[in-house]
N, C-alpha and C. Protein backbone atom coordinates (compact mmCIF):
# COMPACT_ATOMS: atom_id res chain seq x y z
N UNK A 1 20.17 26.91 46.31
CA UNK A 1 20.10 25.73 46.74
C UNK A 1 19.50 25.69 48.35
N UNK A 2 18.40 25.55 48.97
CA UNK A 2 17.78 25.70 49.76
C UNK A 2 18.24 25.26 51.41
N UNK A 3 18.71 25.71 51.95
CA UNK A 3 18.93 24.92 53.01
C UNK A 3 18.12 25.20 54.90
N UNK A 4 17.52 24.49 55.09
CA UNK A 4 16.69 25.08 56.05
C UNK A 4 17.05 25.81 57.31
N UNK A 5 16.44 26.28 57.20
CA UNK A 5 17.35 27.59 58.59
C UNK A 5 18.21 28.33 58.81
N UNK A 6 18.54 28.82 57.06
CA UNK A 6 19.72 29.50 56.86
C UNK A 6 19.29 30.52 55.93
N UNK A 7 19.29 31.47 56.40
CA UNK A 7 19.17 33.06 55.63
C UNK A 7 17.84 32.86 54.64
N UNK A 8 16.86 31.66 55.08
CA UNK A 8 15.48 31.79 54.15
C UNK A 8 14.65 33.42 54.70
N UNK A 9 14.59 33.92 55.94
CA UNK A 9 14.44 35.31 56.14
C UNK A 9 12.74 35.18 56.21
N UNK A 10 12.16 33.77 56.56
CA UNK A 10 11.03 34.01 57.36
C UNK A 10 11.08 32.55 58.07
N UNK A 11 9.71 32.15 58.88
CA UNK A 11 9.76 31.55 60.60
C UNK A 11 8.70 30.81 59.56
N UNK A 12 9.60 28.90 59.47
CA UNK A 12 8.53 28.20 59.24
C UNK A 12 7.79 28.22 60.32
N UNK A 13 6.42 26.84 59.20
CA UNK A 13 5.34 27.37 59.76
C UNK A 13 5.19 26.21 61.16
N UNK A 14 6.45 24.84 60.82
CA UNK A 14 6.64 24.39 61.97
C UNK A 14 8.03 24.54 62.86
N UNK A 15 8.08 25.59 63.56
CA UNK A 15 9.07 26.05 64.13
C UNK A 15 9.25 25.46 65.44
N UNK A 16 10.57 24.57 65.39
CA UNK A 16 10.78 24.05 67.05
C UNK A 16 11.98 23.57 67.15
N UNK A 17 12.39 23.33 68.39
CA UNK A 17 13.82 23.45 68.88
C UNK A 17 14.45 22.03 68.54
N UNK A 18 15.44 21.91 67.92
CA UNK A 18 16.26 20.85 67.29
C UNK A 18 16.73 20.07 68.48
N UNK A 19 16.53 20.45 69.97
CA UNK A 19 16.99 19.48 70.91
C UNK A 19 15.52 19.03 71.18
N UNK A 20 14.41 19.28 70.79
CA UNK A 20 13.49 18.48 71.18
C UNK A 20 12.86 17.56 70.32
N UNK A 21 13.69 17.54 69.06
CA UNK A 21 13.38 16.04 68.09
C UNK A 21 14.28 15.11 68.73
N UNK A 22 13.55 14.15 68.40
CA UNK A 22 13.89 12.67 69.19
C UNK A 22 14.76 12.08 68.60
N UNK A 23 16.21 11.16 68.60
CA UNK A 23 17.12 10.48 68.15
C UNK A 23 16.67 9.44 67.62
N UNK A 24 16.89 9.91 65.97
CA UNK A 24 15.93 8.45 65.42
C UNK A 24 16.56 7.75 64.48
N UNK A 25 16.57 6.10 64.09
CA UNK A 25 17.21 5.51 62.76
C UNK A 25 15.80 5.85 62.14
N UNK A 26 16.65 6.28 60.47
CA UNK A 26 16.20 6.66 59.36
C UNK A 26 14.60 5.82 58.74
N UNK A 27 14.78 4.35 59.28
CA UNK A 27 14.00 3.11 59.10
C UNK A 27 12.61 3.67 59.60
N UNK A 28 13.42 3.66 60.62
CA UNK A 28 11.77 4.20 61.50
C UNK A 28 10.65 5.54 61.01
N UNK A 29 11.92 6.59 60.94
CA UNK A 29 11.01 7.97 59.99
C UNK A 29 10.25 7.59 59.21
N UNK A 30 10.78 6.24 57.96
CA UNK A 30 9.98 6.01 56.73
C UNK A 30 9.18 5.42 57.32
N UNK A 31 8.94 4.36 58.60
CA UNK A 31 7.54 3.82 58.41
C UNK A 31 6.67 4.89 59.13
N UNK A 32 7.03 5.75 60.03
CA UNK A 32 6.06 6.47 60.68
C UNK A 32 5.50 7.22 58.88
N UNK A 33 5.93 7.77 58.60
CA UNK A 33 5.50 8.54 57.57
C UNK A 33 4.92 7.88 56.48
N UNK A 34 4.55 6.91 56.42
CA UNK A 34 4.42 5.85 55.69
C UNK A 34 2.48 6.01 56.44
N UNK A 35 3.19 5.67 57.80
CA UNK A 35 2.02 5.26 58.30
C UNK A 35 0.48 6.63 58.19
N UNK A 36 1.38 8.05 58.03
CA UNK A 36 0.90 9.29 57.66
C UNK A 36 0.40 9.32 56.33
N UNK A 37 0.56 8.28 55.41
CA UNK A 37 0.25 8.30 53.93
C UNK A 37 1.22 8.81 52.81
N UNK A 38 2.35 8.67 53.17
CA UNK A 38 3.31 9.27 52.32
C UNK A 38 3.95 7.78 51.67
N UNK A 39 4.27 7.78 50.52
CA UNK A 39 4.94 6.41 49.94
C UNK A 39 6.48 6.96 49.65
N UNK A 40 7.52 5.82 49.72
CA UNK A 40 8.36 5.81 48.61
C UNK A 40 9.00 5.90 47.90
N UNK A 41 8.85 7.40 46.64
CA UNK A 41 8.69 7.28 45.48
C UNK A 41 9.86 6.83 44.91
N UNK A 42 11.11 6.50 45.28
CA UNK A 42 12.26 6.41 45.12
C UNK A 42 13.22 6.32 45.82
N UNK A 43 14.33 5.58 45.59
CA UNK A 43 15.74 5.20 46.39
C UNK A 43 16.88 5.58 45.88
N UNK A 44 17.87 6.70 46.66
CA UNK A 44 19.06 6.91 45.71
C UNK A 44 20.05 7.02 46.63
N UNK A 45 20.96 5.91 46.66
CA UNK A 45 21.99 5.21 47.35
C UNK A 45 21.34 5.57 48.63
N UNK A 46 21.44 6.16 49.90
CA UNK A 46 20.69 5.86 51.19
C UNK A 46 19.61 6.79 51.29
N UNK A 47 19.06 7.71 50.30
CA UNK A 47 18.48 8.31 50.67
C UNK A 47 17.10 7.66 50.15
N UNK A 48 15.53 7.83 50.91
CA UNK A 48 14.84 7.45 50.56
C UNK A 48 14.06 8.50 50.32
N UNK A 49 13.53 9.47 49.25
CA UNK A 49 12.52 9.96 48.37
C UNK A 49 11.40 9.84 48.76
N UNK A 50 10.62 10.52 49.27
CA UNK A 50 8.89 10.41 49.51
C UNK A 50 8.08 11.22 49.23
N UNK A 51 7.00 10.84 49.13
CA UNK A 51 6.26 11.78 48.32
C UNK A 51 4.45 11.05 49.10
N UNK A 52 3.41 12.43 49.12
CA UNK A 52 2.65 12.44 50.19
C UNK A 52 1.87 12.82 48.38
N UNK A 53 0.36 11.86 48.69
CA UNK A 53 -0.37 12.28 47.58
C UNK A 53 -1.04 13.52 47.50
N UNK A 54 -0.92 14.59 48.28
CA UNK A 54 -1.13 15.74 48.07
C UNK A 54 0.09 16.52 47.65
N UNK A 55 0.98 16.11 47.43
CA UNK A 55 2.25 17.31 46.98
C UNK A 55 3.75 17.45 47.73
N UNK A 56 3.54 17.26 49.18
CA UNK A 56 4.48 17.37 50.13
C UNK A 56 5.57 16.15 50.05
N UNK A 57 6.42 16.58 49.91
CA UNK A 57 7.54 15.59 49.92
C UNK A 57 9.15 15.70 50.88
N UNK A 58 9.44 15.00 51.30
CA UNK A 58 10.98 14.96 51.88
C UNK A 58 12.19 13.72 51.32
N UNK A 59 12.96 14.27 51.66
CA UNK A 59 14.20 13.55 52.06
C UNK A 59 14.54 12.11 53.32
N UNK A 60 14.83 11.43 53.16
CA UNK A 60 15.35 10.32 54.89
C UNK A 60 16.16 9.67 54.82
N UNK A 61 17.40 10.11 55.00
CA UNK A 61 19.09 9.37 54.97
C UNK A 61 18.15 7.77 56.20
N UNK A 62 18.56 6.88 55.50
CA UNK A 62 18.44 5.33 55.63
C UNK A 62 19.51 5.04 55.65
N UNK A 63 20.58 5.17 56.98
CA UNK A 63 22.16 4.06 56.38
C UNK A 63 21.57 2.83 58.14
N UNK A 64 21.94 2.21 57.75
CA UNK A 64 21.76 0.29 58.49
C UNK A 64 22.63 0.86 60.13
N UNK A 65 21.75 0.79 61.08
CA UNK A 65 22.20 0.66 62.21
C UNK A 65 22.23 1.81 62.63
N UNK A 66 22.03 3.29 62.11
CA UNK A 66 22.91 4.99 62.52
C UNK A 66 21.44 5.53 62.73
N UNK A 67 21.26 6.21 63.38
CA UNK A 67 20.26 7.15 64.00
C UNK A 67 20.54 8.64 62.58
N UNK A 68 19.57 9.18 62.45
CA UNK A 68 19.82 10.58 61.23
C UNK A 68 20.42 11.63 62.13
N UNK A 69 21.23 12.35 61.59
CA UNK A 69 21.89 13.51 62.22
C UNK A 69 20.66 14.62 62.80
N UNK A 70 20.93 15.07 63.98
CA UNK A 70 20.97 15.84 64.75
C UNK A 70 19.71 16.98 64.05
N UNK A 71 19.97 17.56 63.08
CA UNK A 71 19.16 18.22 62.46
C UNK A 71 18.27 17.69 61.32
N UNK A 72 18.56 16.52 61.07
CA UNK A 72 17.63 16.02 60.16
C UNK A 72 16.07 16.11 60.54
N UNK A 73 15.80 15.50 61.06
CA UNK A 73 14.41 15.22 61.73
C UNK A 73 13.89 16.66 61.94
N UNK A 74 14.86 17.93 61.86
CA UNK A 74 13.64 18.71 62.40
C UNK A 74 13.67 19.65 60.56
N UNK A 75 14.02 18.94 59.85
CA UNK A 75 14.08 19.37 58.62
C UNK A 75 12.72 18.34 58.23
N UNK A 76 12.70 17.35 57.99
CA UNK A 76 12.02 16.27 57.47
C UNK A 76 10.44 16.75 58.35
N UNK A 77 10.44 17.39 59.24
CA UNK A 77 9.10 17.70 59.69
C UNK A 77 9.08 18.48 59.33
N UNK A 78 9.40 19.98 58.89
CA UNK A 78 9.41 21.11 58.14
C UNK A 78 8.85 21.17 56.99
N UNK A 79 9.87 19.82 56.39
CA UNK A 79 9.39 19.75 54.89
C UNK A 79 7.45 19.34 54.90
N UNK A 80 7.47 18.49 55.45
CA UNK A 80 6.26 18.00 55.57
C UNK A 80 5.15 18.66 56.91
N UNK A 81 5.19 19.41 57.00
CA UNK A 81 4.16 19.89 58.08
C UNK A 81 3.43 19.28 59.15
N UNK A 82 4.73 18.44 59.67
CA UNK A 82 4.32 17.87 61.05
C UNK A 82 4.78 18.07 62.22
N UNK A 83 4.87 18.39 63.55
CA UNK A 83 4.99 18.43 64.54
C UNK A 83 5.72 17.02 65.25
N UNK A 84 6.59 17.42 66.30
CA UNK A 84 7.15 16.18 66.63
C UNK A 84 6.14 15.62 67.11
N UNK A 85 5.16 16.46 67.92
CA UNK A 85 4.24 15.44 69.16
C UNK A 85 3.93 14.28 67.86
N UNK A 86 3.44 14.75 66.65
CA UNK A 86 2.68 13.55 65.32
C UNK A 86 3.66 12.84 65.06
N UNK A 87 4.81 13.34 64.88
CA UNK A 87 5.99 12.04 64.67
C UNK A 87 5.94 10.94 65.43
N UNK A 88 5.97 11.35 66.82
CA UNK A 88 6.47 10.82 68.18
C UNK A 88 5.00 9.30 68.01
N UNK A 89 3.82 9.81 68.01
CA UNK A 89 2.76 9.19 67.76
C UNK A 89 2.66 8.21 66.48
N UNK A 90 3.44 8.83 65.44
CA UNK A 90 3.82 7.75 64.45
C UNK A 90 4.69 6.56 64.35
N UNK A 91 6.12 6.85 65.16
CA UNK A 91 7.15 5.90 65.97
C UNK A 91 6.58 4.84 66.22
């Protein structure tokens, strides 16, 4: 199983410091990704599996009233090939 930033041996195309990623609720991330053309493909428990028509995809944890965990936005950005600035404009 692949874990972001652990032993993958290469630098991500979207290299960013986790401290720069804003604290944000999962619901807002889902809406921002929808504005970027992603669709919720399915929901599995608290996870929203999102897909873009070009094949990109990611999983967004949505827990009512709670921000996503500190490193999670970084992983989502890496999955979808977006920068922090692009995400912030969509929020």
